[in-house]
């Protein structure tokens, strides 16, 4: 599902689960989970979730250019 959802059609097992975590530099990471299930003669159904986290980003203001001591942890998610 992660890179080739069409490949689900040729799967020989009834249920498949995939977990993945990739760490990048500067505290960035990508997490992925996917599951697909055979529905008999109807085909297959699958669900996946992918989350990108970019790590801690120090919060700054015009008065505190070096940072306020607080951090933001932005992330982005998608599902399919």
Foldseek 3Di string as FASTA:
>chain_A
DVPDPVCQQVDPDFKDKDWDKDADPPGKIKTKIKMKGAPPPVGIDMKMKMKIKNDWDADADPVRNVGDPDTDIDMDMDMD
